Amino acid sequence: MRIGTISLNINAPDFNYGAMLHSWAFQKYLKNLDYVEYTEIIDYTMPILEGQDLKYPFRQALLGKHLRSLIYYLKNYSIYKRRFNKFEKFIKANICKSQNKYTQATLNEAKLNYDCVICESDVIWSPGFSGGHFDKSFFLALDSMQNMKKIAYAPSMANGEMNDGKRKISMRIAYQQILCHN
Protein backbone atom coordinates (compact mmCIF):
# COMPACT_ATOMS: atom_id res chain seq x y z
CA MET A 1 0.00 0.00 0.00
CA ARG A 2 1.22 3.52 -0.86
CA ILE A 3 0.25 6.08 1.79
CA GLY A 4 0.27 9.88 1.78
CA THR A 5 -0.05 11.72 5.09
CA ILE A 6 -1.22 15.31 5.39
CA SER A 7 -0.75 17.39 8.52
CA LEU A 8 0.70 20.61 9.92
CA ASN A 9 4.18 19.23 10.41
CA ILE A 10 6.42 20.61 7.66
CA ASN A 11 4.85 23.99 6.98
CA ALA A 12 3.60 24.97 10.42
CA PRO A 13 4.32 28.66 11.02
CA ASP A 14 5.38 28.22 14.65
CA PHE A 15 7.71 25.23 14.08
CA ASN A 16 5.83 23.03 16.49
CA TYR A 17 8.17 20.34 17.86
CA GLY A 18 5.28 18.15 18.98
CA ALA A 19 3.58 18.17 15.58
CA MET A 20 6.85 17.37 13.81
CA LEU A 21 7.77 14.55 16.19
CA HIS A 22 4.26 13.12 15.97
CA SER A 23 4.46 13.03 12.17
CA TRP A 24 7.95 11.54 12.24
CA ALA A 25 6.96 8.80 14.70
CA PHE A 26 3.77 8.04 12.78
CA GLN A 27 5.67 7.80 9.50
CA LYS A 28 8.22 5.51 11.13
CA TYR A 29 5.41 3.31 12.44
CA LEU A 30 3.79 3.10 8.99
CA LYS A 31 7.10 2.17 7.35
CA ASN A 32 7.39 -0.84 9.66
CA LEU A 33 4.02 -2.30 8.64
CA ASP A 34 4.33 -5.29 6.32
CA TYR A 35 1.64 -4.13 3.92
CA VAL A 36 3.04 -0.60 3.48
CA GLU A 37 5.13 -0.33 0.34
CA TYR A 38 5.74 3.41 0.59
CA THR A 39 4.72 6.34 2.78
CA GLU A 40 5.43 10.03 2.52
CA ILE A 41 4.24 13.28 4.05
CA ILE A 42 2.45 15.51 1.58
CA ASP A 43 4.30 18.83 1.45
CA TYR A 44 1.21 21.01 1.84
CA THR A 45 0.88 24.72 2.61
CA MET A 46 -2.47 25.85 4.02
CA PRO A 47 -4.24 28.72 2.20
CA ILE A 48 -3.66 31.06 5.14
CA LEU A 49 0.12 30.53 4.80
CA GLU A 50 0.44 30.73 1.02
CA GLY A 51 3.00 33.31 0.01
CA GLN A 52 4.53 33.55 3.49
CA ASP A 53 8.24 33.06 3.88
CA LEU A 54 8.78 30.82 6.91
CA LYS A 55 12.53 31.37 6.79
CA TYR A 56 12.27 35.18 6.84
CA PRO A 57 8.91 36.05 8.43
CA PHE A 58 9.89 39.68 8.94
CA ARG A 59 9.64 40.20 5.15
CA GLN A 60 5.88 39.63 5.32
CA ALA A 61 5.60 42.07 8.23
CA LEU A 62 7.66 44.61 6.29
CA LEU A 63 5.56 44.28 3.15
CA GLY A 64 2.34 44.49 5.14
CA LYS A 65 3.71 47.44 7.11
CA HIS A 66 2.95 45.74 10.41
CA LEU A 67 5.39 47.59 12.66
CA ARG A 68 4.76 45.52 15.79
CA SER A 69 5.29 42.24 13.97
CA LEU A 70 8.37 43.59 12.22
CA ILE A 71 9.94 44.65 15.53
CA TYR A 72 9.07 41.31 17.11
CA TYR A 73 10.59 39.26 14.27
CA LEU A 74 13.71 41.39 14.01
CA LYS A 75 14.22 41.27 17.78
CA ASN A 76 13.81 37.47 17.84
CA TYR A 77 15.31 36.68 14.45
CA SER A 78 18.39 34.80 15.69
CA ILE A 79 16.20 32.47 17.80
CA TYR A 80 13.74 32.05 14.95
CA LYS A 81 16.51 31.35 12.41
CA ARG A 82 18.13 28.74 14.66
CA ARG A 83 14.78 27.00 15.12
CA PHE A 84 14.04 27.11 11.37
CA ASN A 85 17.45 25.57 10.61
CA LYS A 86 16.91 22.79 13.17
CA PHE A 87 13.59 21.92 11.56
CA GLU A 88 15.04 21.96 8.06
CA LYS A 89 17.91 19.69 9.15
CA PHE A 90 15.53 17.29 10.90
CA ILE A 91 13.18 17.14 7.91
CA LYS A 92 16.02 16.49 5.49
CA ALA A 93 17.49 13.72 7.64
CA ASN A 94 14.34 12.01 8.91
CA ILE A 95 11.20 12.78 6.93
CA CYS A 96 10.17 11.29 3.61
CA LYS A 97 8.07 13.99 1.95
CA SER A 98 6.48 14.48 -1.44
CA GLN A 99 8.67 15.89 -4.19
CA ASN A 100 5.98 18.38 -5.09
CA LYS A 101 4.93 21.25 -2.86
CA TYR A 102 1.18 21.75 -2.85
CA THR A 103 -1.31 24.50 -2.19
CA GLN A 104 -4.95 23.57 -1.76
CA ALA A 105 -5.61 24.34 -5.43
CA THR A 106 -2.67 22.33 -6.77
CA LEU A 107 -3.36 19.44 -4.38
CA ASN A 108 -6.99 19.36 -5.55
CA GLU A 109 -5.85 19.01 -9.18
CA ALA A 110 -2.89 16.68 -8.55
CA LYS A 111 -2.60 13.11 -9.75
CA LEU A 112 -1.73 11.49 -6.44
CA ASN A 113 -0.13 8.07 -6.49
CA TYR A 114 -1.47 6.79 -3.17
CA ASP A 115 -3.78 3.98 -2.24
CA CYS A 116 -4.60 5.66 1.06
CA VAL A 117 -4.45 9.20 2.44
CA ILE A 118 -4.25 9.90 6.16
CA CYS A 119 -4.89 13.22 7.85
CA GLU A 120 -3.15 13.24 11.19
CA SER A 121 -2.44 15.21 14.28
CA ASP A 122 -3.80 17.84 16.51
CA VAL A 123 -5.93 20.84 15.50
CA ILE A 124 -6.15 20.28 11.74
CA TRP A 125 -9.97 20.27 11.89
CA SER A 126 -10.16 23.58 13.71
CA PRO A 127 -11.50 26.50 11.68
CA GLY A 128 -9.67 28.83 14.08
CA PHE A 129 -6.32 27.41 13.07
CA SER A 130 -6.86 27.97 9.37
CA GLY A 131 -8.08 31.55 9.38
CA GLY A 132 -11.68 30.88 10.39
CA HIS A 133 -12.38 28.40 7.58
CA PHE A 134 -12.32 24.65 7.38
CA ASP A 135 -9.43 23.39 5.29
CA LYS A 136 -10.90 20.77 2.93
CA SER A 137 -7.45 19.24 2.47
CA PHE A 138 -7.37 18.16 6.11
CA PHE A 139 -10.84 16.61 5.70
CA LEU A 140 -9.49 14.65 2.70
CA ALA A 141 -12.32 16.15 0.66
CA LEU A 142 -10.38 17.09 -2.49
CA ASP A 143 -11.01 15.80 -6.00
CA SER A 144 -7.50 14.28 -6.11
CA MET A 145 -8.36 12.05 -3.15
CA GLN A 146 -11.39 10.38 -4.69
CA ASN A 147 -11.31 6.60 -4.85
CA MET A 148 -8.65 6.35 -2.15
CA LYS A 149 -8.96 4.93 1.30
CA LYS A 150 -9.12 7.77 3.81
CA ILE A 151 -8.14 7.66 7.46
CA ALA A 152 -8.23 10.33 10.15
CA TYR A 153 -5.66 9.76 12.87
CA ALA A 154 -5.79 11.96 15.99
CA PRO A 155 -7.21 15.17 14.48
CA SER A 156 -9.09 17.57 16.72
CA MET A 157 -11.02 20.82 16.58
CA ALA A 158 -9.04 22.51 19.38
CA ASN A 159 -11.60 23.74 21.89
CA GLY A 160 -14.42 22.20 19.86
CA GLU A 161 -16.60 25.30 20.00
CA MET A 162 -18.44 26.24 16.82
CA ASN A 163 -21.24 28.56 15.96
CA ASP A 164 -24.20 27.24 13.93
CA GLY A 165 -22.68 28.42 10.64
CA LYS A 166 -19.41 26.55 11.20
CA ARG A 167 -21.30 23.46 12.37
CA LYS A 168 -23.37 23.44 9.15
CA ILE A 169 -20.24 23.82 7.03
CA SER A 170 -18.45 20.97 8.83
CA MET A 171 -21.49 18.73 8.45
CA ARG A 172 -21.71 19.56 4.73
CA ILE A 173 -18.01 18.73 4.24
CA ALA A 174 -18.42 15.45 6.13
CA TYR A 175 -21.56 14.60 4.13
CA GLN A 176 -19.82 15.34 0.82
CA GLN A 177 -16.82 13.32 1.93
CA ILE A 178 -18.88 10.27 2.81
CA LEU A 179 -21.21 10.32 -0.20
CA CYS A 180 -19.08 11.74 -2.98
CA HIS A 181 -15.48 10.81 -2.34
CA ASN A 182 -15.54 7.23 -1.09
C-alpha atoms as a PDB file:
ATOM      1  CA  MET A   1       0.000   0.000   0.000  1.00  0.00           C
ATOM      2  CA  ARG A   2       1.217   3.515  -0.864  1.00  0.00           C
ATOM      3  CA  ILE A   3       0.254   6.082   1.790  1.00  0.00           C
ATOM      4  CA  GLY A   4       0.272   9.883   1.784  1.00  0.00           C
ATOM      5  CA  THR A   5      -0.047  11.717   5.087  1.00  0.00           C
ATOM      6  CA  ILE A   6      -1.223  15.308   5.388  1.00  0.00           C
ATOM      7  CA  SER A   7      -0.746  17.387   8.517  1.00  0.00           C
ATOM      8  CA  LEU A   8       0.704  20.611   9.923  1.00  0.00           C
ATOM      9  CA  ASN A   9       4.185  19.230  10.409  1.00  0.00           C
ATOM     10  CA  ILE A  10       6.421  20.606   7.665  1.00  0.00           C
ATOM     11  CA  ASN A  11       4.855  23.989   6.982  1.00  0.00           C
ATOM     12  CA  ALA A  12       3.597  24.971  10.425  1.00  0.00           C
ATOM     13  CA  PRO A  13       4.318  28.658  11.020  1.00  0.00           C
ATOM     14  CA  ASP A  14       5.379  28.218  14.648  1.00  0.00           C
ATOM     15  CA  PHE A  15       7.706  25.233  14.083  1.00  0.00           C
ATOM     16  CA  ASN A  16       5.826  23.026  16.493  1.00  0.00           C
ATOM     17  CA  TYR A  17       8.169  20.344  17.860  1.00  0.00           C
ATOM     18  CA  GLY A  18       5.275  18.154  18.978  1.00  0.00           C
ATOM     19  CA  ALA A  19       3.576  18.171  15.578  1.00  0.00           C
ATOM     20  CA  MET A  20       6.850  17.372  13.814  1.00  0.00           C
ATOM     21  CA  LEU A  21       7.771  14.551  16.191  1.00  0.00           C
ATOM     22  CA  HIS A  22       4.261  13.122  15.975  1.00  0.00           C
ATOM     23  CA  SER A  23       4.461  13.031  12.174  1.00  0.00           C
ATOM     24  CA  TRP A  24       7.952  11.537  12.239  1.00  0.00           C
ATOM     25  CA  ALA A  25       6.956   8.797  14.700  1.00  0.00           C
ATOM     26  CA  PHE A  26       3.772   8.037  12.778  1.00  0.00           C
ATOM     27  CA  GLN A  27       5.670   7.800   9.496  1.00  0.00           C
ATOM     28  CA  LYS A  28       8.224   5.511  11.131  1.00  0.00           C
ATOM     29  CA  TYR A  29       5.405   3.312  12.438  1.00  0.00           C
ATOM     30  CA  LEU A  30       3.794   3.102   8.988  1.00  0.00           C
ATOM     31  CA  LYS A  31       7.102   2.168   7.346  1.00  0.00           C
ATOM     32  CA  ASN A  32       7.386  -0.843   9.655  1.00  0.00           C
ATOM     33  CA  LEU A  33       4.019  -2.304   8.642  1.00  0.00           C
ATOM     34  CA  ASP A  34       4.331  -5.295   6.323  1.00  0.00           C
ATOM     35  CA  TYR A  35       1.641  -4.129   3.922  1.00  0.00           C
ATOM     36  CA  VAL A  36       3.037  -0.601   3.477  1.00  0.00           C
ATOM     37  CA  GLU A  37       5.133  -0.330   0.337  1.00  0.00           C
ATOM     38  CA  TYR A  38       5.740   3.409   0.593  1.00  0.00           C
ATOM     39  CA  THR A  39       4.717   6.337   2.776  1.00  0.00           C
ATOM     40  CA  GLU A  40       5.426  10.032   2.519  1.00  0.00           C
ATOM     41  CA  ILE A  41       4.239  13.275   4.047  1.00  0.00           C
ATOM     42  CA  ILE A  42       2.445  15.506   1.580  1.00  0.00           C
ATOM     43  CA  ASP A  43       4.298  18.835   1.447  1.00  0.00           C
ATOM     44  CA  TYR A  44       1.205  21.013   1.837  1.00  0.00           C
ATOM     45  CA  THR A  45       0.877  24.724   2.606  1.00  0.00           C
ATOM     46  CA  MET A  46      -2.467  25.849   4.018  1.00  0.00           C
ATOM     47  CA  PRO A  47      -4.236  28.719   2.203  1.00  0.00           C
ATOM     48  CA  ILE A  48      -3.655  31.065   5.141  1.00  0.00           C
ATOM     49  CA  LEU A  49       0.119  30.528   4.802  1.00  0.00           C
ATOM     50  CA  GLU A  50       0.436  30.726   1.017  1.00  0.00           C
ATOM     51  CA  GLY A  51       3.000  33.313   0.014  1.00  0.00           C
ATOM     52  CA  GLN A  52       4.533  33.550   3.488  1.00  0.00           C
ATOM     53  CA  ASP A  53       8.244  33.057   3.882  1.00  0.00           C
ATOM     54  CA  LEU A  54       8.781  30.820   6.906  1.00  0.00           C
ATOM     55  CA  LYS A  55      12.529  31.374   6.786  1.00  0.00           C
ATOM     56  CA  TYR A  56      12.267  35.177   6.837  1.00  0.00           C
ATOM     57  CA  PRO A  57       8.913  36.052   8.427  1.00  0.00           C
ATOM     58  CA  PHE A  58       9.889  39.684   8.936  1.00  0.00           C
ATOM     59  CA  ARG A  59       9.645  40.199   5.149  1.00  0.00           C
ATOM     60  CA  GLN A  60       5.884  39.632   5.322  1.00  0.00           C
ATOM     61  CA  ALA A  61       5.597  42.073   8.228  1.00  0.00           C
ATOM     62  CA  LEU A  62       7.659  44.610   6.295  1.00  0.00           C
ATOM     63  CA  LEU A  63       5.558  44.277   3.146  1.00  0.00           C
ATOM     64  CA  GLY A  64       2.341  44.493   5.141  1.00  0.00           C
ATOM     65  CA  LYS A  65       3.711  47.439   7.107  1.00  0.00           C
ATOM     66  CA  HIS A  66       2.945  45.744  10.414  1.00  0.00           C
ATOM     67  CA  LEU A  67       5.388  47.594  12.662  1.00  0.00           C
ATOM     68  CA  ARG A  68       4.763  45.523  15.794  1.00  0.00           C
ATOM     69  CA  SER A  69       5.288  42.245  13.966  1.00  0.00           C
ATOM     70  CA  LEU A  70       8.365  43.589  12.220  1.00  0.00           C
ATOM     71  CA  ILE A  71       9.941  44.649  15.528  1.00  0.00           C
ATOM     72  CA  TYR A  72       9.071  41.306  17.106  1.00  0.00           C
ATOM     73  CA  TYR A  73      10.587  39.265  14.268  1.00  0.00           C
ATOM     74  CA  LEU A  74      13.713  41.386  14.008  1.00  0.00           C
ATOM     75  CA  LYS A  75      14.222  41.265  17.782  1.00  0.00           C
ATOM     76  CA  ASN A  76      13.812  37.468  17.839  1.00  0.00           C
ATOM     77  CA  TYR A  77      15.313  36.684  14.450  1.00  0.00           C
ATOM     78  CA  SER A  78      18.391  34.804  15.688  1.00  0.00           C
ATOM     79  CA  ILE A  79      16.197  32.473  17.802  1.00  0.00           C
ATOM     80  CA  TYR A  80      13.740  32.053  14.946  1.00  0.00           C
ATOM     81  CA  LYS A  81      16.513  31.353  12.410  1.00  0.00           C
ATOM     82  CA  ARG A  82      18.128  28.740  14.663  1.00  0.00           C
ATOM     83  CA  ARG A  83      14.782  26.998  15.120  1.00  0.00           C
ATOM     84  CA  PHE A  84      14.044  27.114  11.369  1.00  0.00           C
ATOM     85  CA  ASN A  85      17.450  25.569  10.610  1.00  0.00           C
ATOM     86  CA  LYS A  86      16.908  22.789  13.172  1.00  0.00           C
ATOM     87  CA  PHE A  87      13.586  21.925  11.559  1.00  0.00           C
ATOM     88  CA  GLU A  88      15.041  21.955   8.061  1.00  0.00           C
ATOM     89  CA  LYS A  89      17.909  19.692   9.147  1.00  0.00           C
ATOM     90  CA  PHE A  90      15.526  17.290  10.902  1.00  0.00           C
ATOM     91  CA  ILE A  91      13.176  17.138   7.906  1.00  0.00           C
ATOM     92  CA  LYS A  92      16.015  16.495   5.493  1.00  0.00           C
ATOM     93  CA  ALA A  93      17.494  13.719   7.638  1.00  0.00           C
ATOM     94  CA  ASN A  94      14.340  12.006   8.907  1.00  0.00           C
ATOM     95  CA  ILE A  95      11.195  12.776   6.926  1.00  0.00           C
ATOM     96  CA  CYS A  96      10.166  11.292   3.614  1.00  0.00           C
ATOM     97  CA  LYS A  97       8.066  13.988   1.949  1.00  0.00           C
ATOM     98  CA  SER A  98       6.479  14.475  -1.441  1.00  0.00           C
ATOM     99  CA  GLN A  99       8.674  15.888  -4.185  1.00  0.00           C
ATOM    100  CA  ASN A 100       5.981  18.378  -5.087  1.00  0.00           C
ATOM    101  CA  LYS A 101       4.926  21.254  -2.855  1.00  0.00           C
ATOM    102  CA  TYR A 102       1.178  21.754  -2.846  1.00  0.00           C
ATOM    103  CA  THR A 103      -1.307  24.495  -2.191  1.00  0.00           C
ATOM    104  CA  GLN A 104      -4.948  23.566  -1.763  1.00  0.00           C
ATOM    105  CA  ALA A 105      -5.614  24.339  -5.435  1.00  0.00           C
ATOM    106  CA  THR A 106      -2.670  22.326  -6.773  1.00  0.00           C
ATOM    107  CA  LEU A 107      -3.364  19.436  -4.385  1.00  0.00           C
ATOM    108  CA  ASN A 108      -6.987  19.361  -5.549  1.00  0.00           C
ATOM    109  CA  GLU A 109      -5.847  19.012  -9.183  1.00  0.00           C
ATOM    110  CA  ALA A 110      -2.886  16.682  -8.555  1.00  0.00           C
ATOM    111  CA  LYS A 111      -2.604  13.110  -9.753  1.00  0.00           C
ATOM    112  CA  LEU A 112      -1.733  11.491  -6.445  1.00  0.00           C
ATOM    113  CA  ASN A 113      -0.126   8.074  -6.494  1.00  0.00           C
ATOM    114  CA  TYR A 114      -1.468   6.791  -3.169  1.00  0.00           C
ATOM    115  CA  ASP A 115      -3.784   3.976  -2.236  1.00  0.00           C
ATOM    116  CA  CYS A 116      -4.599   5.665   1.057  1.00  0.00           C
ATOM    117  CA  VAL A 117      -4.452   9.202   2.439  1.00  0.00           C
ATOM    118  CA  ILE A 118      -4.245   9.904   6.158  1.00  0.00           C
ATOM    119  CA  CYS A 119      -4.893  13.217   7.850  1.00  0.00           C
ATOM    120  CA  GLU A 120      -3.154  13.238  11.186  1.00  0.00           C
ATOM    121  CA  SER A 121      -2.435  15.209  14.277  1.00  0.00           C
ATOM    122  CA  ASP A 122      -3.798  17.840  16.513  1.00  0.00           C
ATOM    123  CA  VAL A 123      -5.927  20.841  15.502  1.00  0.00           C
ATOM    124  CA  ILE A 124      -6.155  20.285  11.744  1.00  0.00           C
ATOM    125  CA  TRP A 125      -9.971  20.267  11.892  1.00  0.00           C
ATOM    126  CA  SER A 126     -10.156  23.584  13.714  1.00  0.00           C
ATOM    127  CA  PRO A 127     -11.496  26.502  11.676  1.00  0.00           C
ATOM    128  CA  GLY A 128      -9.672  28.833  14.076  1.00  0.00           C
ATOM    129  CA  PHE A 129      -6.320  27.411  13.074  1.00  0.00           C
ATOM    130  CA  SER A 130      -6.862  27.972   9.371  1.00  0.00           C
ATOM    131  CA  GLY A 131      -8.077  31.552   9.385  1.00  0.00           C
ATOM    132  CA  GLY A 132     -11.683  30.883  10.387  1.00  0.00           C
ATOM    133  CA  HIS A 133     -12.378  28.404   7.584  1.00  0.00           C
ATOM    134  CA  PHE A 134     -12.321  24.650   7.381  1.00  0.00           C
ATOM    135  CA  ASP A 135      -9.433  23.389   5.286  1.00  0.00           C
ATOM    136  CA  LYS A 136     -10.898  20.768   2.927  1.00  0.00           C
ATOM    137  CA  SER A 137      -7.447  19.239   2.473  1.00  0.00           C
ATOM    138  CA  PHE A 138      -7.370  18.155   6.115  1.00  0.00           C
ATOM    139  CA  PHE A 139     -10.836  16.611   5.702  1.00  0.00           C
ATOM    140  CA  LEU A 140      -9.487  14.645   2.700  1.00  0.00           C
ATOM    141  CA  ALA A 141     -12.319  16.151   0.657  1.00  0.00           C
ATOM    142  CA  LEU A 142     -10.382  17.091  -2.487  1.00  0.00           C
ATOM    143  CA  ASP A 143     -11.006  15.795  -5.998  1.00  0.00           C
ATOM    144  CA  SER A 144      -7.499  14.276  -6.109  1.00  0.00           C
ATOM    145  CA  MET A 145      -8.363  12.052  -3.152  1.00  0.00           C
ATOM    146  CA  GLN A 146     -11.395  10.375  -4.687  1.00  0.00           C
ATOM    147  CA  ASN A 147     -11.311   6.602  -4.848  1.00  0.00           C
ATOM    148  CA  MET A 148      -8.646   6.351  -2.151  1.00  0.00           C
ATOM    149  CA  LYS A 149      -8.964   4.925   1.298  1.00  0.00           C
ATOM    150  CA  LYS A 150      -9.118   7.772   3.815  1.00  0.00           C
ATOM    151  CA  ILE A 151      -8.137   7.664   7.456  1.00  0.00           C
ATOM    152  CA  ALA A 152      -8.233  10.328  10.149  1.00  0.00           C
ATOM    153  CA  TYR A 153      -5.658   9.759  12.869  1.00  0.00           C
ATOM    154  CA  ALA A 154      -5.791  11.962  15.993  1.00  0.00           C
ATOM    155  CA  PRO A 155      -7.207  15.174  14.482  1.00  0.00           C
ATOM    156  CA  SER A 156      -9.088  17.575  16.723  1.00  0.00           C
ATOM    157  CA  MET A 157     -11.018  20.816  16.575  1.00  0.00           C
ATOM    158  CA  ALA A 158      -9.042  22.509  19.377  1.00  0.00           C
ATOM    159  CA  ASN A 159     -11.599  23.737  21.889  1.00  0.00           C
ATOM    160  CA  GLY A 160     -14.419  22.201  19.858  1.00  0.00           C
ATOM    161  CA  GLU A 161     -16.602  25.298  20.000  1.00  0.00           C
ATOM    162  CA  MET A 162     -18.438  26.236  16.817  1.00  0.00           C
ATOM    163  CA  ASN A 163     -21.243  28.556  15.955  1.00  0.00           C
ATOM    164  CA  ASP A 164     -24.201  27.242  13.930  1.00  0.00           C
ATOM    165  CA  GLY A 165     -22.678  28.424  10.644  1.00  0.00           C
ATOM    166  CA  LYS A 166     -19.405  26.547  11.203  1.00  0.00           C
ATOM    167  CA  ARG A 167     -21.302  23.458  12.367  1.00  0.00           C
ATOM    168  CA  LYS A 168     -23.370  23.444   9.151  1.00  0.00           C
ATOM    169  CA  ILE A 169     -20.239  23.815   7.027  1.00  0.00           C
ATOM    170  CA  SER A 170     -18.453  20.973   8.834  1.00  0.00           C
ATOM    171  CA  MET A 171     -21.486  18.729   8.448  1.00  0.00           C
ATOM    172  CA  ARG A 172     -21.707  19.564   4.730  1.00  0.00           C
ATOM    173  CA  ILE A 173     -18.007  18.735   4.240  1.00  0.00           C
ATOM    174  CA  ALA A 174     -18.419  15.451   6.128  1.00  0.00           C
ATOM    175  CA  TYR A 175     -21.563  14.601   4.127  1.00  0.00           C
ATOM    176  CA  GLN A 176     -19.818  15.344   0.817  1.00  0.00           C
ATOM    177  CA  GLN A 177     -16.819  13.317   1.935  1.00  0.00           C
ATOM    178  CA  ILE A 178     -18.882  10.272   2.813  1.00  0.00           C
ATOM    179  CA  LEU A 179     -21.210  10.318  -0.200  1.00  0.00           C
ATOM    180  CA  CYS A 180     -19.084  11.736  -2.978  1.00  0.00           C
ATOM    181  CA  HIS A 181     -15.481  10.810  -2.337  1.00  0.00           C
ATOM    182  CA  ASN A 182     -15.538   7.225  -1.092  1.00  0.00           C
END
